[in-house]
Structure formats: structure tokens, C-alpha cells
Amino acid sequence: MAQPAVSGEQGARDGGGGAARAPADGGVSRAAVIGLAVLCVSYMLNAMDRQVFYPLVPPIREEFGFSLDQAGLLATGFTLGLALTGLPAGYLLDRMSRRTIVVVSVLVYSLGTVAIPLASGFVDMAVYRLLSGIGEGVQATAIYAIIGAYFFHRRALAAGFIGLAFGLGVFLGPVVGQALVGASGTWRTPFYVFGAAGLVMAAVLLVAVPRSMSEAVTGRAGTADTASYDHVPASPYNRSALGLGITSAVSGLVFYGFLGLYPTFLREQLSFGPGEAALAASLVGFGAMTALPVGWLADRVDQRLLLAVGFVGSAVTALLAYQVADGVGAQYVLAFLMGTFASGVLFTNCSTALQRAVRPEHVGRGAGLFILSYYVAAAVSGLLFARLVAGMGWAGAGLVQLTLLPVVGLLALALVDPKRMIVPPRVRARG
């Protein structure tokens, strides 16, 4: 079925009764540019907040006597909080003020972060990590819903800016965190600093993100958008969404399985120093910053092709990292490549393609579906990897979870039908 022309980024709601119109495809207001920049900075802090924990696992584990299973669960289990919020947040985002939801979510995860160094053992630390994950999950869902609605056919490029900010946060988190530990002599300091920074950012978001941007929606009845979306299934839980949900889950298992215990692997298996392990973890974020050019490309080509490249690249990179390379320089390069393929390519395309698989009025639920599928898998990825290490060693765990599992993601792409999705006009014209 031929897809109808789409008018662009038009139509909005303000959460009350009045209408605020998002600009047409040809331009973006100055207020929206500032709003996007602030959202990017807030997401960078989000990434720094979650990434700082991984290099600190060894000293935390030493102080509390945690097992590798417990350490793995703490490292990635917080993403269960992100996963649990996906669908509820998506539902609320289609009905409430997105800006308010973003602000509250930043407050929640910042308070959870401040509480982590106050933990007395595994249980309460896990609760604080879960609280942080809940806030981070709501924030991520809200941000992707905002840019998905406001930028519409350029949503992958806009998501690329968010991905760039995420990568910068992943890069800076371990470096800044390790510097704070070195200056203060305790692993607790980074959590206090990042938590306080988040509280400040909540206030900035409240005044800097315009409602005309945060509450925009395209395709809603009564707006200026007159395009037809009948070719997209009425239910947000359709076949393409299912396929993309599977690819998202596999992406979460691979990326967070790598992130969660990679510094521990470097220190315990390859005898890297704390600074070397932290830098390697940071270089994952440097690779994730490729989300910007990947996002630009994703608005111009079939995203299934990019997802296939991401899965193959992640699998080959992990194979080299856990089976072949043992030098510092080689691991630095591979850490960068894993960030490129698993975050820059897979995360960016999974998050935006799932929104394109649903009708515009369901953009919040599309974002929620991505958060749910991606982070449920991510939540158990660290524990799964730790169990595989216990039974098969580091090399075996890397082979099974990081090299062979991406094949499942490749197979799931067969369920995705671009003809039943909202693809950008330039992609439709080429098809």
C-alpha cells in the first residue's frame, strides 16, 4: 500500500485547552533549540550518573564483600526500574504534561543517587539503585516522546543529539568519578556530586524547556496535520513493534551485559589498573557519541539495514574483546567500537524505529515500549553475564551473551515491515 505524504511537524497540545503549534518541517524555533540543548544536558547527567557506578564496582564489592552475582545485579539491576516505568510512563505522557514528568523524574533519580553511598548493605543499595532507575526510565521515556513528537520526520537526527549527549555522559562519568574518588579518597563522593547536579538540573528544565515544544504532538485530530496514517496499524502492539521490541531486548542484553562487568573483567582478568579500566569504560561513551551521524543517516536509509550493521559490529567487537585482545591499546579501541555499534547504532535506531511503528498519537506508548523491552533485558544482563562467567569463564560468557545473542536480533528484523510504518518522505521515495 502506498504511503501518503506527511505534512511534517505540525500540531500540538499544551496539556490544557489551548493549542501550541510545532513549527513545520522547515524550521525550529530558538526556544526549541534551547529546550533541546537543555534536554541533552540533562540526559548527559543521567548517563554520567548511571555510568559512574561500573568502575566503582571493585571497591564497593571489596568494602561490602559482595559476590560477583551481587555485583553484577547491582551494576545492571537498576535498569529494572527503567523497564518498569516504560509502559506506565508512555501512557501518562500521552495524557499529561511531559515537561512536568521530566522534571519530577530528574528529582527522583537524583535523590536515589544521593542515597546510594548511605547504604548499609546489598538490599538497601539495590533499592536505591532501583529508585534511580525509575527516575532515569521516566526521564528517558519523556525525552524520546518529546523529540519524537516535535521533530517527527527528523526524530532520528534529534535522537542522535540525545545519543551524543548520552555518549558524552558515558565518557565523562567514569573519568570524573575516578577523579573525585582520587581527590576525596572514597568511592562515595561521585554519587553526592552527581545527585546534587541533578537537583539543580531539575530547576533548569522547569524554566528552559518551552511547553510549545514539550507538549507538541503530530497527527492528533483537531491539529493542522491532515495526513493520513491509516497504513499504520491502529494498535501500538503490532507486528513491526513486536519485531523491534525483540531487537531492543537483544540490544539491552548485549550493551548492558558488556557495560556492567567490563571494568571488572579488565581489572580481574587482564590486570588493568583502576585508571586504565575507567578510561576503557569512558571510551564506550566516546563511541556512543556516533549517535549523531547515525541519527542523520537513519532519517535517510532503511533502519533495518542500520540495525543489522549494529548487531554484526557488536558481535565481532565482543568476540575480539573477550577472545583475542589483551593489550591496553587494543581494549581501548574495542571499547570505542562497542559504544559505536551497541549504543550509537542499535540504541538510536531501536528507540526511533519503534516510534515509527505506531501512529503519532501513540508516540508516548512507542517510547514506553522501547524502554520496557530494552531495560527489562538490561536489568538481568549483569546477573546473566556473571552466571555465565561462573560456569564458562570470561571468554565463554562473552561468546554466548555478546557474540551469539545478536543473531536473535538479526532474525527479529524479519518481522519489521516499513510499509506499515511512518518512514521519512526521503526514505519512502527511495523505496
Protein backbone atom coordinates (compact mmCIF):
# COMPACT_ATOMS: atom_id res chain seq x y z
CA MET A 1 0.00 0.00 0.00
CA ALA A 2 1.44 3.37 -0.96
CA GLN A 3 2.11 5.61 1.98
CA PRO A 4 0.53 9.09 1.91
CA ALA A 5 2.51 12.25 2.10
CA VAL A 6 3.01 13.61 5.59
CA SER A 7 2.85 17.31 6.29
CA GLY A 8 5.65 17.47 8.82
CA GLU A 9 5.97 18.62 12.42
CA GLN A 10 2.63 20.28 12.89
CA GLY A 11 0.07 20.27 15.67
CA ALA A 12 0.48 20.47 19.40
CA ARG A 13 -1.20 20.30 22.73
CA ASP A 14 -0.31 22.31 25.79
CA GLY A 15 -1.73 19.98 28.41
CA GLY A 16 -4.66 22.30 28.97
CA GLY A 17 -7.15 23.57 26.44
CA GLY A 18 -5.10 25.81 24.19
CA ALA A 19 -3.08 24.73 21.21
CA ALA A 20 0.56 25.48 20.59
CA ARG A 21 1.82 24.64 17.12
CA ALA A 22 5.13 22.96 16.48
CA PRO A 23 6.94 24.51 13.52
CA ALA A 24 6.65 22.94 10.10
CA ASP A 25 9.46 20.79 8.79
CA GLY A 26 11.35 23.80 7.52
CA GLY A 27 12.29 25.40 10.80
CA VAL A 28 12.70 25.12 14.55
CA SER A 29 12.18 27.98 16.97
CA ARG A 30 15.02 29.40 19.05
CA ALA A 31 13.17 28.39 22.22
CA ALA A 32 13.01 24.81 20.95
CA VAL A 33 16.73 24.80 20.19
CA ILE A 34 17.42 25.92 23.76
CA GLY A 35 14.96 23.34 25.04
CA LEU A 36 16.64 20.55 23.09
CA ALA A 37 20.06 21.67 24.37
CA VAL A 38 18.83 21.57 27.99
CA LEU A 39 17.25 18.15 27.47
CA CYS A 40 20.57 16.94 26.06
CA VAL A 41 22.50 18.25 29.07
CA SER A 42 20.01 16.64 31.45
CA TYR A 43 20.40 13.32 29.65
CA MET A 44 24.18 13.67 29.75
CA LEU A 45 23.94 13.96 33.55
CA ASN A 46 21.65 10.92 33.52
CA ALA A 47 24.34 8.95 31.67
CA MET A 48 27.11 10.17 33.97
CA ASP A 49 25.00 9.17 36.95
CA ARG A 50 24.46 5.60 35.77
CA GLN A 51 27.92 5.10 34.23
CA VAL A 52 29.93 6.15 37.29
CA PHE A 53 28.85 3.01 39.14
CA TYR A 54 30.58 0.46 36.89
CA PRO A 55 34.24 1.39 37.53
CA LEU A 56 33.45 1.66 41.24
CA VAL A 57 32.15 -1.91 41.49
CA PRO A 58 35.54 -3.34 42.61
CA PRO A 59 35.99 -1.02 45.67
CA ILE A 60 32.27 -1.28 46.55
CA ARG A 61 32.45 -5.05 46.27
CA GLU A 62 35.59 -5.11 48.43
CA GLU A 63 34.07 -2.94 51.17
CA PHE A 64 30.77 -4.82 51.41
CA GLY A 65 32.01 -8.29 50.47
CA PHE A 66 29.53 -8.67 47.60
CA SER A 67 29.75 -11.75 45.37
CA LEU A 68 30.19 -11.38 41.61
CA ASP A 69 26.49 -12.20 41.18
CA GLN A 70 25.52 -9.44 43.60
CA ALA A 71 27.91 -7.00 41.95
CA GLY A 72 26.52 -7.83 38.51
CA LEU A 73 22.95 -7.39 39.73
CA LEU A 74 23.76 -4.02 41.30
CA ALA A 75 25.60 -2.90 38.17
CA THR A 76 22.71 -3.50 35.79
CA GLY A 77 19.73 -4.35 38.01
CA PHE A 78 18.85 -0.66 38.36
CA THR A 79 17.60 -0.82 34.78
CA LEU A 80 14.66 -2.85 36.07
CA GLY A 81 13.43 0.49 37.38
CA LEU A 82 13.73 1.92 33.88
CA ALA A 83 11.86 -1.06 32.45
CA LEU A 84 9.01 -0.96 34.96
CA THR A 85 8.29 2.66 34.12
CA GLY A 86 8.23 2.23 30.33
CA LEU A 87 4.56 1.48 29.64
CA PRO A 88 3.06 3.47 32.57
CA ALA A 89 5.21 6.48 31.66
CA GLY A 90 4.28 6.15 28.00
CA TYR A 91 0.58 6.08 28.93
CA LEU A 92 0.90 9.17 31.14
CA LEU A 93 2.99 11.03 28.57
CA ASP A 94 0.11 10.82 26.08
CA ARG A 95 -2.16 12.45 28.68
CA MET A 96 -0.13 14.72 30.98
CA SER A 97 2.46 17.48 30.72
CA ARG A 98 5.70 15.93 29.50
CA ARG A 99 7.78 18.77 30.90
CA THR A 100 6.42 18.22 34.40
CA ILE A 101 7.09 14.49 34.10
CA VAL A 102 10.70 15.15 33.03
CA VAL A 103 11.32 17.46 35.99
CA VAL A 104 9.85 15.05 38.54
CA SER A 105 11.81 12.13 37.08
CA VAL A 106 15.12 14.00 37.42
CA LEU A 107 14.32 14.76 41.06
CA VAL A 108 13.56 11.08 41.73
CA TYR A 109 16.75 9.63 40.22
CA SER A 110 18.91 12.33 41.82
CA LEU A 111 17.58 11.52 45.29
CA GLY A 112 18.19 7.83 44.62
CA THR A 113 21.78 8.59 43.62
CA VAL A 114 22.46 10.62 46.76
CA ALA A 115 21.15 7.72 48.86
CA ILE A 116 23.47 5.07 47.35
CA PRO A 117 26.55 5.94 49.46
CA LEU A 118 24.35 5.84 52.58
CA ALA A 119 23.55 2.14 52.03
CA SER A 120 24.49 -0.35 54.73
CA GLY A 121 24.33 -3.49 52.59
CA PHE A 122 23.15 -5.16 49.42
CA VAL A 123 19.38 -4.85 49.93
CA ASP A 124 19.13 -1.12 50.59
CA MET A 125 21.75 -0.32 47.96
CA ALA A 126 19.71 -2.32 45.45
CA VAL A 127 16.60 -0.34 46.45
CA TYR A 128 18.41 2.98 45.93
CA ARG A 129 19.72 1.79 42.58
CA LEU A 130 16.18 0.76 41.62
CA LEU A 131 14.87 4.20 42.63
CA SER A 132 17.49 5.83 40.44
CA GLY A 133 16.48 3.56 37.59
CA ILE A 134 12.80 4.50 37.94
CA GLY A 135 13.61 8.19 37.66
CA GLU A 136 16.00 7.65 34.77
CA GLY A 137 13.48 5.49 32.95
CA VAL A 138 10.69 8.04 33.18
CA GLN A 139 13.07 10.78 32.06
CA ALA A 140 14.28 8.78 29.07
CA THR A 141 10.72 7.89 28.01
CA ALA A 142 9.63 11.51 28.30
CA ILE A 143 12.60 12.90 26.39
CA TYR A 144 12.17 10.47 23.50
CA ALA A 145 8.43 11.18 23.41
CA ILE A 146 9.10 14.94 23.27
CA ILE A 147 11.58 14.78 20.42
CA GLY A 148 9.58 12.09 18.62
CA ALA A 149 6.51 14.33 18.55
CA TYR A 150 8.16 17.71 18.00
CA PHE A 151 10.70 16.73 15.36
CA PHE A 152 8.60 13.91 13.84
CA HIS A 153 10.25 13.10 10.48
CA ARG A 154 13.63 14.26 11.79
CA ARG A 155 13.26 12.36 15.02
CA ALA A 156 16.25 10.09 14.34
CA LEU A 157 18.51 13.12 13.89
CA ALA A 158 17.08 14.68 17.06
CA ALA A 159 17.59 11.36 18.84
CA GLY A 160 21.15 11.49 17.56
CA PHE A 161 21.72 14.65 19.59
CA ILE A 162 20.31 12.88 22.64
CA GLY A 163 22.57 9.92 21.87
CA LEU A 164 25.53 12.27 21.54
CA ALA A 165 24.74 13.69 24.98
CA PHE A 166 24.39 10.16 26.37
CA GLY A 167 27.76 9.18 24.91
CA LEU A 168 29.41 12.26 26.36
CA GLY A 169 27.95 11.39 29.75
CA VAL A 170 29.14 7.80 29.47
CA PHE A 171 32.59 9.12 28.58
CA LEU A 172 32.74 11.72 31.36
CA GLY A 173 31.09 9.68 34.13
CA PRO A 174 33.95 7.25 34.86
CA VAL A 175 36.66 9.87 34.29
CA VAL A 176 35.07 12.48 36.54
CA GLY A 177 34.03 9.85 39.05
CA GLN A 178 37.54 8.41 39.30
CA ALA A 179 38.96 11.93 39.71
CA LEU A 180 36.51 12.64 42.54
CA VAL A 181 37.45 9.35 44.20
CA GLY A 182 41.14 10.20 43.90
CA ALA A 183 40.64 13.67 45.35
CA SER A 184 38.41 12.59 48.24
CA GLY A 185 39.75 9.09 48.92
CA THR A 186 36.29 7.50 48.91
CA TRP A 187 34.00 5.98 46.27
CA ARG A 188 31.02 7.76 47.84
CA THR A 189 31.87 11.29 46.66
CA PRO A 190 30.80 10.94 42.99
CA PHE A 191 27.29 9.92 43.99
CA TYR A 192 26.85 13.01 46.16
CA VAL A 193 28.19 15.29 43.41
CA PHE A 194 26.13 13.80 40.58
CA GLY A 195 22.98 13.69 42.72
CA ALA A 196 23.33 17.38 43.61
CA ALA A 197 23.91 18.27 39.96
CA GLY A 198 20.67 16.50 39.05
CA LEU A 199 18.69 18.53 41.59
CA VAL A 200 19.98 21.74 40.01
CA MET A 201 19.16 20.44 36.52
CA ALA A 202 15.53 19.80 37.52
CA ALA A 203 15.11 23.52 38.19
CA VAL A 204 16.76 24.43 34.89
CA LEU A 205 14.45 22.10 32.95
CA LEU A 206 11.41 23.69 34.51
CA VAL A 207 12.23 27.13 33.10
CA ALA A 208 14.20 26.34 29.93
CA VAL A 209 12.01 23.79 28.09
CA PRO A 210 9.05 25.57 26.42
CA ARG A 211 5.64 23.95 26.61
CA SER A 212 5.18 24.52 22.87
CA MET A 213 7.99 22.00 22.43
CA SER A 214 7.40 19.56 25.28
CA GLU A 215 3.67 19.16 24.59
CA ALA A 216 3.80 19.02 20.76
CA VAL A 217 2.04 16.16 19.01
CA THR A 218 1.69 15.33 15.33
CA GLY A 219 -1.25 13.50 13.80
CA ARG A 220 -3.70 14.28 16.62
CA ALA A 221 -7.24 15.07 15.47
CA GLY A 222 -8.01 18.78 15.53
CA THR A 223 -4.47 19.87 14.70
CA ALA A 224 -3.09 21.32 11.49
CA ASP A 225 -1.77 17.95 10.33
CA THR A 226 -4.16 16.50 7.74
CA ALA A 227 -2.06 13.50 6.67
CA SER A 228 -3.50 10.00 6.81
CA TYR A 229 -1.83 7.32 8.90
CA ASP A 230 -4.25 4.52 8.00
CA HIS A 231 -1.39 2.38 6.69
CA VAL A 232 -0.05 2.13 10.27
CA PRO A 233 -1.85 -0.45 12.43
CA ALA A 234 -4.27 1.14 14.88
CA SER A 235 -2.82 -0.83 17.77
CA PRO A 236 0.62 0.20 19.03
CA TYR A 237 1.23 -3.51 19.73
CA ASN A 238 1.61 -4.60 16.11
CA ARG A 239 3.96 -6.95 14.25
CA SER A 240 6.64 -4.37 13.47
CA ALA A 241 6.54 -3.15 17.07
CA LEU A 242 6.97 -6.74 18.23
CA GLY A 243 9.99 -7.26 16.00
CA LEU A 244 11.55 -4.00 17.12
CA GLY A 245 10.77 -4.90 20.73
CA ILE A 246 12.81 -8.08 20.30
CA THR A 247 15.70 -6.19 18.71
CA SER A 248 15.55 -3.71 21.60
CA ALA A 249 15.66 -6.51 24.18
CA VAL A 250 18.65 -8.13 22.50
CA SER A 251 20.36 -4.73 22.32
CA GLY A 252 19.83 -4.24 26.05
CA LEU A 253 21.23 -7.67 26.90
CA VAL A 254 24.31 -7.04 24.77
CA PHE A 255 25.12 -3.43 25.69
CA TYR A 256 24.49 -3.64 29.43
CA GLY A 257 25.94 -7.13 29.62
CA PHE A 258 29.11 -5.56 28.28
CA LEU A 259 28.93 -2.37 30.36
CA GLY A 260 28.09 -3.90 33.71
CA LEU A 261 31.17 -6.06 34.32
CA TYR A 262 33.57 -4.91 31.62
CA PRO A 263 35.73 -2.86 34.06
CA THR A 264 35.74 -5.86 36.42
CA PHE A 265 36.87 -8.11 33.54
CA LEU A 266 39.67 -5.71 32.71
CA ARG A 267 40.89 -5.50 36.31
CA GLU A 268 40.46 -9.09 37.42
CA GLN A 269 41.18 -10.97 34.20
CA LEU A 270 43.57 -8.67 32.33
CA SER A 271 45.09 -6.96 35.41
CA PHE A 272 44.34 -3.40 34.27
CA GLY A 273 44.82 -0.61 36.80
CA PRO A 274 41.81 1.40 38.09
CA GLY A 275 42.60 4.35 35.81
CA GLU A 276 43.01 2.13 32.74
CA ALA A 277 39.73 0.33 33.39
CA ALA A 278 37.91 3.62 33.95
CA LEU A 279 39.29 5.07 30.70
CA ALA A 280 38.23 1.97 28.77
CA ALA A 281 34.71 2.33 30.18
CA SER A 282 34.76 6.01 29.20
CA LEU A 283 35.73 5.20 25.63
CA VAL A 284 32.50 3.25 25.30
CA GLY A 285 30.79 6.62 25.70
CA PHE A 286 33.07 8.19 23.12
CA GLY A 287 31.86 5.58 20.67
CA ALA A 288 28.24 6.20 21.68
CA MET A 289 28.61 9.79 20.52
CA THR A 290 28.46 8.50 16.94
CA ALA A 291 24.69 8.51 17.53
CA LEU A 292 24.56 11.95 15.90
CA PRO A 293 25.80 10.95 12.42
CA VAL A 294 23.94 7.65 12.77
CA GLY A 295 20.73 9.57 13.53
CA TRP A 296 21.24 11.72 10.45
CA LEU A 297 21.69 8.57 8.38
CA ALA A 298 18.67 6.87 9.97
CA ASP A 299 16.38 9.56 8.51
CA ARG A 300 17.67 8.69 5.04
CA VAL A 301 18.01 4.90 4.80
CA ASP A 302 16.09 1.79 5.83
CA GLN A 303 16.70 1.44 9.56
CA ARG A 304 16.67 -2.34 9.29
CA LEU A 305 19.99 -2.10 7.46
CA LEU A 306 21.50 0.01 10.23
CA LEU A 307 20.22 -2.38 12.90
CA ALA A 308 21.82 -5.30 11.06
CA VAL A 309 25.13 -3.42 10.93
CA GLY A 310 24.84 -2.72 14.65
CA PHE A 311 24.29 -6.35 15.59
CA VAL A 312 27.10 -7.68 13.40
CA GLY A 313 29.50 -4.98 14.59
CA SER A 314 28.70 -5.60 18.27
CA ALA A 315 29.17 -9.36 17.87
CA VAL A 316 32.54 -9.07 16.15
CA THR A 317 33.77 -6.45 18.62
CA ALA A 318 32.83 -8.58 21.63
CA LEU A 319 34.49 -11.62 20.07
CA LEU A 320 37.76 -9.73 19.76
CA ALA A 321 37.49 -8.13 23.22
CA TYR A 322 36.91 -11.38 25.14
CA GLN A 323 38.70 -13.91 22.96
CA VAL A 324 41.67 -12.16 21.36
CA ALA A 325 42.79 -8.77 22.68
CA ASP A 326 44.67 -8.49 25.96
CA GLY A 327 46.60 -5.23 25.50
CA VAL A 328 45.53 -1.86 26.83
CA GLY A 329 45.51 -0.12 23.46
CA ALA A 330 43.50 -2.87 21.78
CA GLN A 331 40.88 -2.83 24.53
CA TYR A 332 40.58 0.94 24.23
CA VAL A 333 39.80 0.60 20.52
CA LEU A 334 37.32 -2.22 21.10
CA ALA A 335 35.57 -0.31 23.89
CA PHE A 336 35.10 2.58 21.47
CA LEU A 337 33.73 0.24 18.80
CA MET A 338 31.30 -1.39 21.23
CA GLY A 339 29.96 2.04 22.12
CA THR A 340 29.62 2.83 18.42
CA PHE A 341 27.72 -0.32 17.44
CA ALA A 342 25.75 -1.15 20.61
CA SER A 343 24.78 2.40 21.56
CA GLY A 344 25.39 4.74 18.65
CA VAL A 345 23.77 2.39 16.12
CA LEU A 346 21.48 -0.03 17.99
CA PHE A 347 20.09 2.23 20.73
CA THR A 348 19.45 5.15 18.36
CA ASN A 349 17.68 3.05 15.75
CA CYS A 350 15.68 0.84 18.13
CA SER A 351 14.30 3.84 20.02
CA THR A 352 13.25 5.80 16.93
CA ALA A 353 12.09 2.89 14.76
CA LEU A 354 9.69 1.76 17.49
CA GLN A 355 8.08 5.22 17.46
CA ARG A 356 7.74 4.99 13.69
CA ALA A 357 5.94 1.66 14.08
CA VAL A 358 2.98 3.31 15.88
CA ARG A 359 0.60 6.11 14.99
CA PRO A 360 1.61 9.64 16.09
CA GLU A 361 -0.98 9.82 18.86
CA HIS A 362 0.71 6.77 20.41
CA VAL A 363 4.22 8.25 20.40
CA GLY A 364 4.37 8.07 24.19
CA ARG A 365 3.48 4.40 24.16
CA GLY A 366 6.01 3.79 21.39
CA ALA A 367 8.70 5.31 23.59
CA GLY A 368 7.39 3.29 26.52
CA LEU A 369 7.54 0.04 24.56
CA PHE A 370 11.17 0.69 23.78
CA ILE A 371 12.05 1.48 27.41
CA LEU A 372 10.20 -1.63 28.61
CA SER A 373 11.75 -4.10 26.18
CA TYR A 374 15.25 -2.62 26.26
CA TYR A 375 15.62 -2.22 30.01
CA VAL A 376 13.87 -5.40 31.18
CA ALA A 377 16.60 -7.22 29.29
CA ALA A 378 19.27 -4.83 30.54
CA ALA A 379 18.14 -5.40 34.15
CA VAL A 380 19.09 -9.07 34.08
CA SER A 381 22.07 -8.72 31.75
CA GLY A 382 24.66 -8.25 34.51
CA LEU A 383 23.41 -11.19 36.57
CA LEU A 384 23.20 -13.37 33.46
CA PHE A 385 26.73 -12.45 32.46
CA ALA A 386 28.01 -13.16 35.97
CA ARG A 387 26.36 -16.61 35.93
CA LEU A 388 27.89 -17.34 32.55
CA VAL A 389 31.30 -16.27 33.86
CA ALA A 390 30.91 -18.64 36.80
CA GLY A 391 30.10 -21.54 34.51
CA MET A 392 32.14 -20.79 31.39
CA GLY A 393 34.73 -18.18 32.32
CA TRP A 394 35.02 -14.67 30.90
CA ALA A 395 35.71 -15.85 27.35
CA GLY A 396 32.73 -18.20 27.30
CA ALA A 397 30.37 -15.60 28.74
CA GLY A 398 31.46 -13.05 26.16
CA LEU A 399 30.95 -15.57 23.36
CA VAL A 400 27.42 -16.59 24.38
CA GLN A 401 25.87 -13.31 25.51
CA LEU A 402 27.73 -10.77 23.40
CA THR A 403 28.63 -12.60 20.19
CA LEU A 404 25.97 -15.28 19.60
CA LEU A 405 22.92 -13.49 21.05
CA PRO A 406 22.94 -10.69 18.41
CA VAL A 407 21.94 -13.35 15.86
CA VAL A 408 18.48 -13.36 17.51
CA GLY A 409 18.25 -9.62 16.89
CA LEU A 410 19.09 -10.12 13.24
CA LEU A 411 16.34 -12.74 12.88
CA ALA A 412 13.77 -10.45 14.53
CA LEU A 413 14.22 -7.88 11.78
CA ALA A 414 12.20 -10.18 9.51
CA LEU A 415 9.08 -9.11 11.45
CA VAL A 416 9.58 -5.41 10.69
CA ASP A 417 7.56 -4.06 7.73
CA PRO A 418 8.50 -0.47 6.73
CA LYS A 419 5.35 -0.26 4.56
CA ARG A 420 3.31 -0.37 7.76
CA MET A 421 5.37 2.30 9.49
CA ILE A 422 5.79 6.08 9.30
CA VAL A 423 9.03 6.47 7.41
CA PRO A 424 10.50 9.84 6.36
CA PRO A 425 9.48 11.01 2.86
CA ARG A 426 13.04 10.72 1.52
CA VAL A 427 13.19 7.06 2.57
CA ARG A 428 9.73 6.34 1.13
CA ALA A 429 10.74 7.94 -2.18
CA ARG A 430 13.77 5.68 -2.45
CA GLY A 431 11.68 2.64 -1.65
